[in-house]
Amino acid sequence: MSELTTAQVQHVARLARLEIGEEELAALRDSMGNILTYIERLSEVDTDGVEPMVHAIELSNVFREDHVKPSLSREAALSNAPSTDGRYFLGPAILDGDQ
């Protein structure tokens, strides 16, 4: 691959909405060039017969089956609450009434 120009690096930075200084251009040009060289090397790998995949390892559903079970009664659920109205949990007001 041919070496990247400063103009190409500035164009990519503009597309990414990045402001880079003149002193950063040379380092960024070298880094981007190294990345592109590596990608070029990857394109040489023979991938014929390799199925595309989303993950590098096989994933399976890790969720358990849903089983309906009895839940707590309202009284039991509210029994340890610091403040209730007998029907709901009560908490401190977080909004000012003037809004």
Protein backbone atom coordinates (compact mmCIF):
# COMPACT_ATOMS: atom_id res chain seq x y z
CA MET A 1 0.00 0.00 0.00
CA SER A 2 1.23 3.45 -0.77
CA GLU A 3 1.95 5.74 2.14
CA LEU A 4 -0.84 8.01 3.33
CA THR A 5 -0.58 11.69 2.60
CA THR A 6 -1.17 14.45 5.11
CA ALA A 7 -4.19 15.53 3.07
CA GLN A 8 -5.74 12.06 3.40
CA VAL A 9 -5.22 12.07 7.17
CA GLN A 10 -6.78 15.53 7.41
CA HIS A 11 -9.72 14.33 5.31
CA VAL A 12 -10.32 11.34 7.60
CA ALA A 13 -10.04 13.59 10.66
CA ARG A 14 -12.56 16.00 9.16
CA LEU A 15 -14.97 13.13 8.46
CA ALA A 16 -14.58 11.97 12.07
CA ARG A 17 -15.10 15.54 13.27
CA LEU A 18 -11.66 15.57 14.92
CA GLU A 19 -9.44 18.59 15.27
CA ILE A 20 -5.81 17.55 15.08
CA GLY A 21 -2.81 19.81 15.26
CA GLU A 22 0.06 19.89 12.82
CA GLU A 23 2.33 18.13 15.32
CA GLU A 24 -0.10 15.20 15.53
CA LEU A 25 -0.41 14.72 11.77
CA ALA A 26 2.85 12.82 11.26
CA ALA A 27 2.22 10.42 14.16
CA LEU A 28 -1.37 9.86 13.07
CA ARG A 29 -0.30 9.31 9.47
CA ASP A 30 2.17 6.63 10.61
CA SER A 31 -0.39 4.95 12.88
CA MET A 32 -3.08 4.91 10.21
CA GLY A 33 -0.55 3.59 7.69
CA ASN A 34 0.35 0.73 10.04
CA ILE A 35 -3.32 -0.14 10.50
CA LEU A 36 -3.94 -0.18 6.76
CA THR A 37 -0.83 -2.32 6.19
CA TYR A 38 -2.12 -4.84 8.75
CA ILE A 39 -5.55 -4.92 7.13
CA GLU A 40 -3.87 -5.50 3.78
CA ARG A 41 -2.04 -8.48 5.28
CA LEU A 42 -5.33 -9.86 6.62
CA SER A 43 -6.84 -9.75 3.14
CA GLU A 44 -4.18 -12.26 2.04
CA VAL A 45 -5.55 -14.93 4.41
CA ASP A 46 -7.43 -17.72 2.65
CA THR A 47 -10.99 -17.67 3.98
CA ASP A 48 -12.59 -19.92 1.37
CA GLY A 49 -15.00 -22.30 3.06
CA VAL A 50 -15.11 -20.32 6.30
CA GLU A 51 -18.63 -19.44 7.35
CA PRO A 52 -19.16 -15.81 8.43
CA MET A 53 -19.82 -15.48 12.14
CA VAL A 54 -20.99 -12.84 14.55
CA HIS A 55 -18.94 -14.12 17.51
CA ALA A 56 -15.61 -15.89 17.66
CA ILE A 57 -17.03 -18.56 19.96
CA GLU A 58 -20.27 -20.52 19.80
CA LEU A 59 -22.99 -18.97 21.94
CA SER A 60 -26.07 -20.66 23.27
CA ASN A 61 -29.08 -19.40 25.12
CA VAL A 62 -28.17 -19.17 28.79
CA PHE A 63 -31.63 -18.26 30.01
CA ARG A 64 -33.55 -20.71 32.14
CA GLU A 65 -37.11 -21.71 31.46
CA ASP A 66 -39.78 -19.51 33.01
CA HIS A 67 -41.81 -21.21 35.70
CA VAL A 68 -44.78 -19.54 37.32
CA LYS A 69 -44.40 -19.46 41.10
CA PRO A 70 -46.46 -17.80 43.77
CA SER A 71 -45.29 -14.33 44.67
CA LEU A 72 -45.33 -12.42 47.94
CA SER A 73 -48.59 -11.04 49.20
CA ARG A 74 -48.85 -7.27 49.34
CA GLU A 75 -48.67 -7.36 53.14
CA ALA A 76 -45.51 -9.50 53.12
CA ALA A 77 -43.84 -7.29 50.52
CA LEU A 78 -44.62 -4.10 52.46
CA SER A 79 -43.89 -5.55 55.91
CA ASN A 80 -40.23 -4.40 56.07
CA ALA A 81 -40.64 -1.15 54.15
CA PRO A 82 -39.73 1.96 56.15
CA SER A 83 -42.78 3.82 54.85
CA THR A 84 -45.98 2.68 53.13
CA ASP A 85 -49.54 3.80 52.75
CA GLY A 86 -50.76 0.23 53.14
CA ARG A 87 -50.90 -0.23 49.38
CA TYR A 88 -47.64 1.21 47.98
CA PHE A 89 -44.05 1.88 49.04
CA LEU A 90 -43.53 5.54 49.97
CA GLY A 91 -40.31 7.44 49.35
CA PRO A 92 -39.14 10.99 49.74
CA ALA A 93 -40.46 13.56 47.28
CA ILE A 94 -37.87 14.39 44.66
CA LEU A 95 -39.71 17.06 42.69
CA ASP A 96 -40.54 20.50 43.99
CA GLY A 97 -44.27 21.21 43.90
CA ASP A 98 -43.65 24.59 42.20
CA GLN A 99 -42.57 23.03 38.91
